[in-house]
Amino acid sequence: MSDAAPPFNTVAWFQISTDTPGVAKSFYSDLFGWRFAPDDAIGGYEMIRYAGADKPGGGLTTPDGGHPKGAIFNVLVRDVPAVCAEAERQGGKVHVPPVTTPDGLVFAELTDPTGNIFGVFTPPAG
């Protein structure tokens, strides 16, 4: 797989939230060969890697802190706050307002007009 960044406005990350992370890790590891490793920057969060990928493609967390149980997709965007504002203009809702991590990642979780939760993010500069 290429190490190049995916294009903006495309699904570039997924997140699985479960109250039984051990079961989920065993299931996805056995089914797809995914590997899991703790994220040193976010306690309780695990990065998901798959064969042939240079970087993680998703994460595993528990349904606390506003994360609903289930799987959501995340779209790479240029400007998270602007996308949040536009989503609200289009009838969506901001579920988790923009957050900036210490390393510069900006993310938010939104709800579309039909009730589906999804995420948007901008990676750290550089």
C-alpha atoms as a PDB file:
ATOM      1  CA  MET A   1       0.000   0.000   0.000  1.00  0.00           C
ATOM      2  CA  SER A   2       1.053   3.534  -0.624  1.00  0.00           C
ATOM      3  CA  ASP A   3       2.273   5.746   2.188  1.00  0.00           C
ATOM      4  CA  ALA A   4       0.601   8.748   0.478  1.00  0.00           C
ATOM      5  CA  ALA A   5      -2.183  10.521   2.317  1.00  0.00           C
ATOM      6  CA  PRO A   6      -5.694   9.803   1.061  1.00  0.00           C
ATOM      7  CA  PRO A   7      -7.521  12.638  -0.705  1.00  0.00           C
ATOM      8  CA  PHE A   8      -9.611  15.086   1.301  1.00  0.00           C
ATOM      9  CA  ASN A   9     -13.330  14.342   1.696  1.00  0.00           C
ATOM     10  CA  THR A  10     -12.807  10.574   1.583  1.00  0.00           C
ATOM     11  CA  VAL A  11     -13.198   7.926   4.261  1.00  0.00           C
ATOM     12  CA  ALA A  12      -9.705   7.605   5.697  1.00  0.00           C
ATOM     13  CA  TRP A  13     -10.194   6.071   9.159  1.00  0.00           C
ATOM     14  CA  PHE A  14     -12.667   3.895  11.029  1.00  0.00           C
ATOM     15  CA  GLN A  15     -13.305   3.402  14.689  1.00  0.00           C
ATOM     16  CA  ILE A  16     -14.829   0.479  16.539  1.00  0.00           C
ATOM     17  CA  SER A  17     -16.272   1.155  19.989  1.00  0.00           C
ATOM     18  CA  THR A  18     -17.088  -1.828  22.194  1.00  0.00           C
ATOM     19  CA  ASP A  19     -17.472  -2.666  25.856  1.00  0.00           C
ATOM     20  CA  THR A  20     -15.678  -5.993  25.218  1.00  0.00           C
ATOM     21  CA  PRO A  21     -12.452  -4.984  23.465  1.00  0.00           C
ATOM     22  CA  GLY A  22     -10.788  -8.366  24.032  1.00  0.00           C
ATOM     23  CA  VAL A  23     -13.591 -10.150  22.191  1.00  0.00           C
ATOM     24  CA  ALA A  24     -13.504  -7.616  19.335  1.00  0.00           C
ATOM     25  CA  LYS A  25      -9.716  -7.830  19.012  1.00  0.00           C
ATOM     26  CA  SER A  26      -9.816 -11.617  18.907  1.00  0.00           C
ATOM     27  CA  PHE A  27     -12.656 -11.614  16.343  1.00  0.00           C
ATOM     28  CA  TYR A  28     -11.083  -9.112  13.918  1.00  0.00           C
ATOM     29  CA  SER A  29      -7.607 -10.538  14.377  1.00  0.00           C
ATOM     30  CA  ASP A  30      -8.803 -14.054  13.548  1.00  0.00           C
ATOM     31  CA  LEU A  31     -11.122 -12.933  10.742  1.00  0.00           C
ATOM     32  CA  PHE A  32      -8.924 -10.372   8.955  1.00  0.00           C
ATOM     33  CA  GLY A  33      -5.468 -10.684  10.512  1.00  0.00           C
ATOM     34  CA  TRP A  34      -5.677  -7.203  12.040  1.00  0.00           C
ATOM     35  CA  ARG A  35      -3.093  -6.297  14.662  1.00  0.00           C
ATOM     36  CA  PHE A  36      -3.796  -4.060  17.664  1.00  0.00           C
ATOM     37  CA  ALA A  37      -1.389  -1.852  19.607  1.00  0.00           C
ATOM     38  CA  PRO A  38      -2.016   0.703  22.365  1.00  0.00           C
ATOM     39  CA  ASP A  39      -1.898   4.340  21.295  1.00  0.00           C
ATOM     40  CA  ASP A  40       0.587   6.045  23.612  1.00  0.00           C
ATOM     41  CA  ALA A  41      -1.121   9.427  23.109  1.00  0.00           C
ATOM     42  CA  ILE A  42      -4.670   8.335  24.013  1.00  0.00           C
ATOM     43  CA  GLY A  43      -5.186   6.078  27.003  1.00  0.00           C
ATOM     44  CA  GLY A  44      -7.536   3.174  26.367  1.00  0.00           C
ATOM     45  CA  TYR A  45      -7.336   3.596  22.588  1.00  0.00           C
ATOM     46  CA  GLU A  46      -5.762   0.955  20.366  1.00  0.00           C
ATOM     47  CA  MET A  47      -4.508   1.420  16.829  1.00  0.00           C
ATOM     48  CA  ILE A  48      -5.557  -1.138  14.216  1.00  0.00           C
ATOM     49  CA  ARG A  49      -3.107  -2.214  11.526  1.00  0.00           C
ATOM     50  CA  TYR A  50      -3.569  -4.658   8.696  1.00  0.00           C
ATOM     51  CA  ALA A  51      -1.147  -6.603   6.550  1.00  0.00           C
ATOM     52  CA  GLY A  52       0.533  -4.482   3.906  1.00  0.00           C
ATOM     53  CA  ALA A  53      -0.371  -1.140   5.493  1.00  0.00           C
ATOM     54  CA  ASP A  54       2.407   1.241   6.494  1.00  0.00           C
ATOM     55  CA  LYS A  55       0.202   3.056   9.009  1.00  0.00           C
ATOM     56  CA  PRO A  56      -2.797   2.220  11.180  1.00  0.00           C
ATOM     57  CA  GLY A  57      -6.145   2.441   9.390  1.00  0.00           C
ATOM     58  CA  GLY A  58      -8.460   2.499  12.375  1.00  0.00           C
ATOM     59  CA  GLY A  59      -8.851   2.429  16.107  1.00  0.00           C
ATOM     60  CA  LEU A  60     -10.566   0.494  18.870  1.00  0.00           C
ATOM     61  CA  THR A  61     -12.056   2.184  21.935  1.00  0.00           C
ATOM     62  CA  THR A  62     -14.713   1.711  24.605  1.00  0.00           C
ATOM     63  CA  PRO A  63     -18.104   3.483  24.519  1.00  0.00           C
ATOM     64  CA  ASP A  64     -17.212   6.090  27.120  1.00  0.00           C
ATOM     65  CA  GLY A  65     -16.516   9.779  26.654  1.00  0.00           C
ATOM     66  CA  GLY A  66     -19.286  10.207  24.088  1.00  0.00           C
ATOM     67  CA  HIS A  67     -18.253   7.408  21.744  1.00  0.00           C
ATOM     68  CA  PRO A  68     -21.288   5.319  20.840  1.00  0.00           C
ATOM     69  CA  LYS A  69     -21.017   1.534  20.731  1.00  0.00           C
ATOM     70  CA  GLY A  70     -20.532   0.365  17.145  1.00  0.00           C
ATOM     71  CA  ALA A  71     -18.368   1.255  14.194  1.00  0.00           C
ATOM     72  CA  ILE A  72     -18.150   4.637  12.519  1.00  0.00           C
ATOM     73  CA  PHE A  73     -16.298   5.943   9.509  1.00  0.00           C
ATOM     74  CA  ASN A  74     -14.157   9.080   9.573  1.00  0.00           C
ATOM     75  CA  VAL A  75     -13.657  11.478   6.678  1.00  0.00           C
ATOM     76  CA  LEU A  76     -10.403  13.377   6.126  1.00  0.00           C
ATOM     77  CA  VAL A  77     -11.208  17.094   5.770  1.00  0.00           C
ATOM     78  CA  ARG A  78      -9.246  20.326   5.484  1.00  0.00           C
ATOM     79  CA  ASP A  79     -11.119  22.257   8.190  1.00  0.00           C
ATOM     80  CA  VAL A  80     -13.021  20.400  10.932  1.00  0.00           C
ATOM     81  CA  PRO A  81     -14.837  23.435  12.428  1.00  0.00           C
ATOM     82  CA  ALA A  82     -15.971  24.562   8.951  1.00  0.00           C
ATOM     83  CA  VAL A  83     -17.310  21.085   8.150  1.00  0.00           C
ATOM     84  CA  CYS A  84     -19.144  21.012  11.505  1.00  0.00           C
ATOM     85  CA  ALA A  85     -20.797  24.354  10.726  1.00  0.00           C
ATOM     86  CA  GLU A  86     -21.759  23.234   7.215  1.00  0.00           C
ATOM     87  CA  ALA A  87     -23.142  19.933   8.515  1.00  0.00           C
ATOM     88  CA  GLU A  88     -25.406  21.852  10.878  1.00  0.00           C
ATOM     89  CA  ARG A  89     -26.555  24.097   8.005  1.00  0.00           C
ATOM     90  CA  GLN A  90     -27.375  20.925   6.054  1.00  0.00           C
ATOM     91  CA  GLY A  91     -29.512  19.490   8.873  1.00  0.00           C
ATOM     92  CA  GLY A  92     -26.865  17.459  10.705  1.00  0.00           C
ATOM     93  CA  LYS A  93     -25.770  17.833  14.315  1.00  0.00           C
ATOM     94  CA  VAL A  94     -22.422  18.045  16.052  1.00  0.00           C
ATOM     95  CA  HIS A  95     -22.267  15.041  18.393  1.00  0.00           C
ATOM     96  CA  VAL A  96     -18.723  15.707  19.698  1.00  0.00           C
ATOM     97  CA  PRO A  97     -17.452  19.259  19.002  1.00  0.00           C
ATOM     98  CA  PRO A  98     -13.986  19.760  17.473  1.00  0.00           C
ATOM     99  CA  VAL A  99     -11.163  18.556  19.699  1.00  0.00           C
ATOM    100  CA  THR A 100      -7.464  19.186  19.119  1.00  0.00           C
ATOM    101  CA  THR A 101      -5.063  16.602  20.553  1.00  0.00           C
ATOM    102  CA  PRO A 102      -1.638  17.591  21.896  1.00  0.00           C
ATOM    103  CA  ASP A 103       0.009  16.462  18.640  1.00  0.00           C
ATOM    104  CA  GLY A 104      -2.323  18.629  16.515  1.00  0.00           C
ATOM    105  CA  LEU A 105      -4.935  16.116  15.308  1.00  0.00           C
ATOM    106  CA  VAL A 106      -8.347  17.800  15.066  1.00  0.00           C
ATOM    107  CA  PHE A 107     -11.479  15.662  15.100  1.00  0.00           C
ATOM    108  CA  ALA A 108     -15.221  15.848  15.681  1.00  0.00           C
ATOM    109  CA  GLU A 109     -18.173  13.478  15.533  1.00  0.00           C
ATOM    110  CA  LEU A 110     -21.339  14.431  13.694  1.00  0.00           C
ATOM    111  CA  THR A 111     -24.806  13.012  13.205  1.00  0.00           C
ATOM    112  CA  ASP A 112     -26.320  13.140   9.734  1.00  0.00           C
ATOM    113  CA  PRO A 113     -30.008  14.088   9.279  1.00  0.00           C
ATOM    114  CA  THR A 114     -30.972  10.386   9.353  1.00  0.00           C
ATOM    115  CA  GLY A 115     -29.272   9.732  12.720  1.00  0.00           C
ATOM    116  CA  ASN A 116     -26.022   8.084  11.565  1.00  0.00           C
ATOM    117  CA  ILE A 117     -22.919   9.099  13.492  1.00  0.00           C
ATOM    118  CA  PHE A 118     -19.679   9.687  11.591  1.00  0.00           C
ATOM    119  CA  GLY A 119     -16.405  11.469  12.215  1.00  0.00           C
ATOM    120  CA  VAL A 120     -14.319  14.101  10.495  1.00  0.00           C
ATOM    121  CA  PHE A 121     -10.648  14.806  11.123  1.00  0.00           C
ATOM    122  CA  THR A 122      -7.595  16.740  10.038  1.00  0.00           C
ATOM    123  CA  PRO A 123      -4.239  15.136  10.850  1.00  0.00           C
ATOM    124  CA  PRO A 124      -1.413  16.994  12.564  1.00  0.00           C
ATOM    125  CA  ALA A 125       0.620  19.257  10.292  1.00  0.00           C
ATOM    126  CA  GLY A 126       3.639  17.598   8.743  1.00  0.00           C
END
